[in-house]
Protein backbone atom coordinates (compact mmCIF):
# COMPACT_ATOMS: atom_id res chain seq x y z
CA MET A 1 80.81 75.94 244.79
CA PHE A 2 83.96 76.35 242.68
CA LEU A 3 83.69 73.02 240.87
CA PRO A 4 80.01 73.36 239.73
CA THR A 5 80.65 76.95 238.59
CA LEU A 6 83.65 75.94 236.49
CA THR A 7 81.75 72.97 235.06
CA HIS A 8 78.95 75.35 234.00
CA ILE A 9 81.49 77.60 232.23
CA PHE A 10 82.90 74.56 230.44
CA THR A 11 79.36 73.61 229.40
CA VAL A 12 78.88 77.02 227.75
CA ALA A 13 82.14 76.42 225.84
CA GLN A 14 80.33 73.98 223.53
CA TRP A 15 79.11 77.02 221.58
CA VAL A 16 82.68 77.79 220.46
CA GLY A 17 83.52 74.22 219.48
CA ILE A 18 84.45 72.45 222.76
CA PRO A 19 81.84 69.67 223.00
CA THR A 20 82.91 67.82 226.19
CA TYR A 21 79.79 68.80 228.14
CA GLY A 22 77.51 68.90 225.11
CA ASN A 23 75.58 66.38 223.00
CA LYS A 24 76.19 64.83 219.59
CA MET A 25 75.26 68.06 217.82
CA SER A 26 77.95 69.82 219.82
CA LEU A 27 80.47 67.26 218.56
CA VAL A 28 79.41 67.86 214.95
CA TRP A 29 79.70 71.60 215.52
CA ALA A 30 83.17 71.15 217.02
CA ILE A 31 84.32 69.19 213.96
CA ILE A 32 82.98 71.92 211.65
CA VAL A 33 84.79 74.66 213.62
CA LEU A 34 88.01 72.65 213.71
CA SER A 35 87.81 72.00 209.96
CA MET A 36 87.27 75.69 209.19
CA LEU A 37 90.17 76.72 211.44
CA THR A 38 92.37 74.14 209.73
CA ALA A 39 91.43 75.41 206.27
CA ILE A 40 92.04 79.08 207.11
CA GLU A 41 95.31 78.30 208.89
CA ALA A 42 96.51 76.27 205.89
CA ALA A 43 95.67 79.17 203.56
CA ALA A 44 97.43 81.66 205.88
CA ILE A 45 100.57 79.50 206.02
CA TRP A 46 100.53 79.16 202.23
CA MET A 47 100.37 82.95 201.87
CA LEU A 48 103.28 83.27 204.29
CA ILE A 49 105.33 80.71 202.35
CA LYS A 50 104.68 82.59 199.11
CA ILE A 51 106.12 85.82 200.45
CA LEU A 52 109.07 84.07 202.11
CA THR A 53 109.97 82.30 198.87
CA GLY A 54 109.54 85.46 196.80
CA VAL A 55 106.53 84.23 194.84
CA ALA A 56 104.45 87.11 196.21
CA LYS A 57 105.68 90.67 196.31
CA HIS A 58 106.31 92.34 199.64
CA ILE A 59 103.78 95.16 199.81
CA ASP A 60 102.55 97.37 202.62
CA ASP A 61 98.76 97.29 202.30
CA GLY A 62 98.22 94.56 204.85
CA ARG A 63 99.73 91.77 202.77
CA GLY A 64 103.36 92.12 203.86
CA LEU A 65 105.45 89.70 205.89
CA THR A 66 104.35 91.05 209.28
CA ALA A 67 100.65 90.89 208.39
CA ARG A 68 100.88 87.36 207.00
CA LEU A 69 102.93 86.14 209.94
CA SER A 70 100.51 87.61 212.49
CA GLY A 71 97.55 86.12 210.61
CA SER A 72 99.18 82.68 210.62
CA VAL A 73 99.96 82.95 214.33
CA PHE A 74 96.44 84.15 215.17
CA TYR A 75 94.66 81.28 213.40
CA GLY A 76 97.33 78.80 214.47
CA ASN A 77 96.62 79.81 218.06
CA GLY A 78 92.88 79.36 217.46
CA PHE A 79 93.45 75.88 216.01
CA LEU A 80 95.75 74.74 218.85
CA SER A 81 93.65 76.47 221.50
CA LEU A 82 90.57 74.53 220.42
CA ILE A 83 92.42 71.21 220.56
CA LEU A 84 94.18 71.88 223.88
CA SER A 85 91.10 73.38 225.56
CA TRP A 86 89.10 70.38 224.36
CA LYS A 87 91.76 68.07 225.82
CA PHE A 88 91.85 69.86 229.18
CA ILE A 89 88.06 70.09 229.59
CA SER A 90 87.81 66.38 228.72
CA SER A 91 90.22 65.67 231.59
CA TRP A 92 88.23 67.91 233.93
CA ARG A 93 85.81 65.10 234.81
CA ARG A 94 88.64 63.07 236.35
CA LEU A 95 90.34 66.11 237.90
CA SER A 96 87.11 67.34 239.48
CA VAL A 97 86.52 63.92 241.08
CA TYR A 98 89.92 64.03 242.81
CA TRP A 99 89.39 67.72 243.65
CA LYS A 100 86.01 66.98 245.25
CA ARG A 101 87.46 64.06 247.18
CA ALA A 102 90.22 66.31 248.53
CA GLU A 103 87.59 68.89 249.52
CA LEU A 104 85.63 66.28 251.47
CA LEU A 105 88.70 64.89 253.23
CA ASP A 106 89.83 68.39 254.22
CA ALA A 107 86.38 69.69 255.16
CA THR A 108 87.32 69.77 258.87
CA LEU A 109 90.36 71.96 258.20
CA GLY A 110 88.63 75.30 258.33
CA PRO A 111 85.45 76.69 256.75
CA PRO A 112 84.93 76.62 252.95
CA ASP A 113 85.70 79.64 250.79
CA THR A 114 82.29 81.27 250.49
CA THR A 115 83.49 83.97 248.07
CA ILE A 116 85.16 81.80 245.43
CA GLN A 117 81.99 81.38 243.33
CA ARG A 118 81.36 85.13 243.26
CA ARG A 119 84.99 85.87 242.40
CA VAL A 120 84.99 83.32 239.57
CA ILE A 121 81.81 84.82 238.08
CA VAL A 122 83.14 88.38 238.41
CA VAL A 123 86.46 87.50 236.73
CA ALA A 124 84.73 85.57 233.92
CA CYS A 125 82.29 88.43 233.27
CA PHE A 126 85.03 91.07 233.45
CA ILE A 127 87.26 89.28 230.92
CA SER A 128 84.29 88.59 228.63
CA ILE A 129 83.00 92.19 228.66
CA CYS A 130 86.45 93.75 228.20
CA SER A 131 87.23 91.36 225.34
CA ILE A 132 83.95 92.21 223.60
CA VAL A 133 84.52 95.96 223.96
CA GLU A 134 88.10 95.72 222.69
CA HIS A 135 87.09 93.57 219.73
CA LEU A 136 84.17 95.83 218.76
CA LEU A 137 86.56 98.78 218.76
CA SER A 138 88.95 96.85 216.55
CA MET A 139 86.12 96.22 214.09
CA PHE A 140 85.15 99.90 214.05
CA MET A 141 88.77 100.88 213.46
CA ALA A 142 88.92 98.46 210.53
CA ILE A 143 85.78 99.73 208.79
CA GLY A 144 85.72 103.36 209.95
CA PHE A 145 82.78 105.27 211.36
CA ASP A 146 81.58 106.67 208.03
CA THR A 147 81.19 103.38 206.12
CA PRO A 148 77.67 102.60 204.83
CA PRO A 149 76.12 99.57 206.59
CA MET A 150 75.93 97.60 203.33
CA ASP A 151 79.71 97.85 202.96
CA TYR A 152 80.61 96.83 206.53
CA LEU A 153 81.47 93.20 205.78
CA HIS A 154 83.30 93.97 202.52
CA LYS A 155 85.52 96.62 204.07
CA TYR A 156 86.12 94.74 207.31
CA ILE A 157 87.27 91.53 205.60
CA LEU A 158 89.54 93.33 203.14
CA ASN A 159 91.13 95.40 205.92
CA SER A 160 91.47 92.71 208.61
CA HIS A 161 92.24 89.79 206.28
CA ALA A 162 94.21 91.48 203.54
CA PHE A 163 96.91 88.83 204.06
CA LEU A 164 94.37 86.23 202.92
CA ILE A 165 91.98 87.92 200.46
CA ARG A 166 92.59 90.48 197.72
CA PRO A 167 89.88 92.80 196.36
CA ASP A 168 89.73 90.83 193.10
CA THR A 169 89.23 87.51 194.91
CA TYR A 170 86.64 88.74 197.42
CA SER A 171 83.24 87.04 197.48
CA LEU A 172 80.42 86.87 199.98
CA TRP A 173 80.74 83.07 200.18
CA THR A 174 84.27 83.35 201.52
CA ALA A 175 83.75 86.53 203.55
CA ILE A 176 80.98 85.16 205.78
CA PRO A 177 82.84 81.99 206.90
CA ILE A 178 86.05 83.98 207.49
CA PHE A 179 84.18 86.62 209.49
CA PHE A 180 82.49 83.96 211.57
CA ILE A 181 85.57 81.84 212.25
CA SER A 182 87.65 84.92 213.12
CA LYS A 183 85.23 85.60 215.98
CA ILE A 184 85.53 81.98 217.16
CA ALA A 185 89.34 82.26 217.09
CA THR A 186 89.18 85.49 219.11
CA ILE A 187 86.90 83.89 221.71
CA LEU A 188 89.20 80.87 221.98
CA TRP A 189 92.19 83.17 222.52
CA ASN A 190 90.46 84.85 225.46
CA PHE A 191 88.98 81.60 226.72
CA GLN A 192 92.34 79.86 227.04
CA ASP A 193 93.58 82.69 229.28
CA LEU A 194 90.35 82.58 231.27
CA ILE A 195 90.75 78.83 231.94
CA ILE A 196 94.25 79.32 233.36
CA VAL A 197 93.18 82.24 235.56
CA LEU A 198 90.13 80.44 236.98
CA ILE A 199 91.93 77.16 237.65
CA SER A 200 94.73 79.09 239.38
CA MET A 201 92.15 80.90 241.53
CA GLY A 202 90.68 77.58 242.64
CA LEU A 203 94.06 76.08 243.55
CA THR A 204 95.12 79.24 245.36
CA SER A 205 91.85 79.30 247.31
CA ARG A 206 92.50 75.79 248.65
CA TYR A 207 96.04 76.71 249.69
CA HIS A 208 94.75 79.87 251.35
CA ARG A 209 92.29 77.90 253.49
CA LEU A 210 94.97 75.41 254.53
CA ASN A 211 97.33 78.26 255.40
CA LEU A 212 94.69 79.94 257.56
CA TYR A 213 94.14 76.67 259.41
CA VAL A 214 97.89 76.33 260.03
CA ASN A 215 97.94 79.90 261.33
CA SER A 216 95.10 79.12 263.75
CA LEU A 217 96.90 76.00 265.01
CA VAL A 218 100.12 77.95 265.61
CA LYS A 219 98.22 80.62 267.52
CA LYS A 220 96.62 77.94 269.63
CA GLU A 221 100.04 76.40 270.30
CA ASN A 222 101.26 79.79 271.56
CA VAL A 223 98.23 80.24 273.82
CA ASP A 224 98.32 76.72 275.27
CA LYS A 225 102.08 76.30 275.60
CA GLU A 226 101.82 76.20 279.40
CA LYS A 227 99.00 73.63 279.51
CA ARG A 228 100.36 70.52 277.87
CA ILE A 229 99.50 67.00 278.95
CA SER A 230 100.25 63.76 277.13
CA THR A 231 96.72 63.32 275.79
CA ALA A 232 96.61 66.89 274.50
CA LYS A 233 99.96 66.41 272.78
CA TYR A 234 98.67 63.29 271.04
CA VAL A 235 95.62 65.19 269.77
CA ARG A 236 97.83 68.01 268.52
CA ASN A 237 100.07 65.55 266.69
CA GLN A 238 97.05 64.05 264.94
CA LYS A 239 95.83 67.51 263.88
CA TRP A 240 99.22 68.38 262.41
CA ARG A 241 99.35 65.01 260.68
CA ARG A 242 96.00 65.70 258.98
CA VAL A 243 97.31 69.10 257.91
CA ARG A 244 100.46 67.57 256.44
CA GLU A 245 98.41 64.97 254.54
CA ALA A 246 96.14 67.76 253.23
CA TYR A 247 99.17 69.57 251.81
CA VAL A 248 100.29 66.33 250.16
CA ARG A 249 96.87 65.96 248.52
CA GLN A 250 96.95 69.59 247.43
CA ALA A 251 100.42 69.24 245.88
CA THR A 252 99.22 66.11 244.07
CA LEU A 253 96.19 68.02 242.77
CA VAL A 254 98.40 70.85 241.46
CA ARG A 255 100.62 68.36 239.64
CA MET A 256 97.60 66.58 238.15
CA VAL A 257 96.24 69.90 236.90
CA ASP A 258 99.67 70.96 235.61
CA ALA A 259 100.01 67.74 233.61
CA GLN A 260 96.75 68.54 231.78
CA ILE A 261 96.93 72.34 231.50
CA GLY A 262 100.67 72.71 230.84
CA ALA A 263 100.33 72.74 227.04
CA LEU A 264 97.62 75.41 227.27
CA VAL A 265 99.83 77.51 229.56
CA LEU A 266 102.71 77.22 227.07
CA LEU A 267 100.50 78.20 224.13
CA SER A 268 98.95 81.13 226.01
CA ASN A 269 102.28 82.62 227.04
CA ILE A 270 103.90 82.20 223.62
CA ASN A 271 100.88 83.71 221.86
CA ASN A 272 100.61 86.66 224.27
CA PHE A 273 104.35 87.25 224.03
CA PHE A 274 104.20 87.37 220.22
CA PHE A 275 101.27 89.77 220.02
CA ILE A 276 102.70 92.09 222.68
CA CYS A 277 105.89 92.31 220.62
CA LEU A 278 103.82 92.85 217.47
CA GLN A 279 101.71 95.62 219.03
CA LEU A 280 104.79 97.41 220.32
CA PHE A 281 106.47 97.03 216.93
CA LEU A 282 103.47 98.46 215.09
CA GLY A 283 103.29 101.29 217.60
CA LEU A 284 106.96 102.19 217.15
CA ASN A 285 106.47 102.24 213.38
CA LYS A 286 103.15 104.11 213.56
CA THR A 287 103.27 107.42 211.73
CA GLY A 288 100.30 109.74 211.58
CA GLY A 289 96.78 108.59 212.34
CA SER A 290 93.77 110.01 214.09
CA LEU A 291 93.28 110.51 217.80
CA MET A 292 90.85 107.59 217.79
CA SER A 293 93.45 105.26 216.27
CA TYR A 294 95.94 106.19 218.99
CA PHE A 295 93.27 105.66 221.64
CA TYR A 296 92.47 102.21 220.29
CA TYR A 297 96.16 101.30 220.03
CA PHE A 298 96.87 102.06 223.68
CA LEU A 299 93.60 100.44 224.78
CA SER A 300 94.35 97.27 222.83
CA LEU A 301 97.95 97.11 224.03
CA GLY A 302 96.88 97.78 227.61
CA TRP A 303 94.25 95.04 227.52
CA LEU A 304 96.73 92.57 226.03
CA LEU A 305 99.32 93.40 228.70
CA PHE A 306 96.72 93.18 231.46
CA ARG A 307 95.49 89.78 230.31
CA ALA A 308 98.99 88.37 229.87
CA CYS A 309 100.03 89.62 233.31
CA SER A 310 96.83 88.24 234.86
CA VAL A 311 97.62 84.77 233.54
CA VAL A 312 101.16 84.82 234.94
CA LEU A 313 100.27 86.41 238.27
CA ALA A 314 97.24 84.19 238.91
CA ALA A 315 99.29 81.07 238.21
CA ALA A 316 102.24 82.44 240.22
CA ASP A 317 99.98 82.73 243.28
CA VAL A 318 99.75 78.93 243.36
CA HIS A 319 103.49 78.72 244.06
CA ILE A 320 103.45 81.63 246.52
CA TYR A 321 100.58 80.23 248.58
CA SER A 322 102.07 76.73 248.53
CA ARG A 323 104.91 78.03 250.73
CA ARG A 324 103.10 80.68 252.78
CA ALA A 325 102.42 78.30 255.68
CA LEU A 326 106.17 78.32 256.39
CA GLU A 327 105.79 81.86 257.74
CA TYR A 328 103.33 80.60 260.35
CA ILE A 329 105.25 77.44 261.23
CA ARG A 330 108.32 79.52 262.13
CA LEU A 331 106.20 81.26 264.79
CA CYS A 332 105.38 77.97 266.49
CA PRO A 333 106.83 77.83 270.05
CA VAL A 334 109.60 75.34 270.75
CA SER A 335 107.50 73.67 273.43
CA GLY A 336 104.77 72.90 270.87
CA TYR A 337 107.12 71.68 268.13
CA ASN A 338 106.57 68.00 267.25
CA VAL A 339 107.60 65.50 264.61
CA GLU A 340 104.58 66.23 262.38
CA ILE A 341 105.36 69.97 262.33
CA LYS A 342 108.97 69.13 261.46
CA ARG A 343 107.84 66.89 258.61
CA LEU A 344 105.44 69.56 257.33
CA ASN A 345 108.19 72.17 257.48
CA ASN A 346 110.57 69.95 255.48
CA GLN A 347 107.81 69.08 253.02
CA LEU A 348 106.88 72.69 252.27
CA SER A 349 110.53 73.81 252.17
CA HIS A 350 111.75 71.22 249.66
CA ASP A 351 108.66 70.33 247.61
CA PHE A 352 108.46 72.75 244.65
CA VAL A 353 104.81 73.20 243.67
CA ALA A 354 103.82 75.45 240.74
CA LEU A 355 102.09 75.50 237.38
CA SER A 356 104.34 75.33 234.34
CA GLY A 357 104.40 75.46 230.57
CA MET A 358 104.96 71.73 230.05
CA GLY A 359 108.05 71.95 232.27
CA PHE A 360 109.82 74.48 230.01
CA PHE A 361 109.27 77.24 232.55
CA TRP A 362 107.53 77.71 235.89
CA LEU A 363 105.04 80.50 236.38
CA SER A 364 106.25 82.83 239.11
CA ARG A 365 106.35 86.58 239.56
CA GLN A 366 109.96 86.58 238.46
CA THR A 367 108.71 85.33 235.09
CA LEU A 368 107.20 88.78 234.42
CA LEU A 369 110.63 90.42 234.68
CA GLU A 370 112.16 87.81 232.38
CA VAL A 371 109.35 88.28 229.83
CA ALA A 372 109.75 92.08 229.95
CA GLY A 373 113.46 91.72 229.20
CA ASN A 374 112.77 89.33 226.32
CA ILE A 375 110.15 91.67 224.87
CA ILE A 376 112.67 94.50 224.72
CA LYS A 377 115.25 92.20 223.11
CA TYR A 378 112.91 90.85 220.43
CA GLU A 379 111.51 94.31 219.69
CA LEU A 380 115.01 95.33 218.66
CA VAL A 381 115.24 92.21 216.47
CA LEU A 382 111.90 92.96 214.80
CA ILE A 383 112.86 96.56 214.11
CA GLN A 384 116.23 95.50 212.68
CA TYR A 385 115.00 92.79 210.32
CA ASP A 386 111.61 94.09 209.17
CA LYS A 387 111.92 95.82 205.78
């Protein structure tokens, strides 16, 4: 039930500008969203260029270098996320066909994962609800709790998009599109992380089922090691051969997915890395403020860290589970060892299987330690060079 559930989630994505599973109106809507993201990103880059070249003065009311850079990165991520998510979901039709074929061929290798659909729905709902709560709090922090309802939009746009709009250039005709497209960009940011997490869960689930089947075969080899006849040995060899071929298909599936999702993985990790550094930088330079502002800061930083870690850890599980069967194979008795087990052992030992960021890095648990070290290093750089 994993494939239909994921396809349904991708169908819902047409509302944020990814029209793969939509109709012609969805395509028109996607072009409109892409055009608006392009226009806002171009304006944000132009504002950044003005301050870098000295045309605009460096001021501290939300229109400084840090604010303009973060605005450019945020909308740049939204623009690229839409394109890359669109590209990946368009390739999902072909990937799901191979995935389903692998499921059918390996149907005899253990029972299906009956909990994967529930886990996918729970994770998708959890990320969606937490993202909505965090974003609503960010809006309340931007407008305050004592602002009259008629002034909500005016104050929110001037506070959150001060790098783009000044009070003297504000108008309702620009505020409404910016407000709307900022929500789309926020959804796309969370959606790109959600795609990586859910795809990783599906790949890990398949490896987990294969590993359990290997474990059951090894246990059977230990129980039956005194009752071997030539016919039984032939049957065992054929079982191990099917297992080895299933791992080959699974490794091929991971590489097919990696070829399509690698750019999205790279974008997600770079974007999360930047905003974690930015949040820490703003926190280190934070002076004064209410208790509510401190609460929101730690909540926002915690949610960003949790989501970034979830992406890395979920993808890292693919690599971990791709080698877990080795633990069971080593327990196989010598009397039950055959050429197919030897081939499977060599295959799992030497075939590196993992998701990557277009080959620039592989997602493993060690990556978290490397990222933590880089965050500390670049925090020091930001503190040193920000004026």
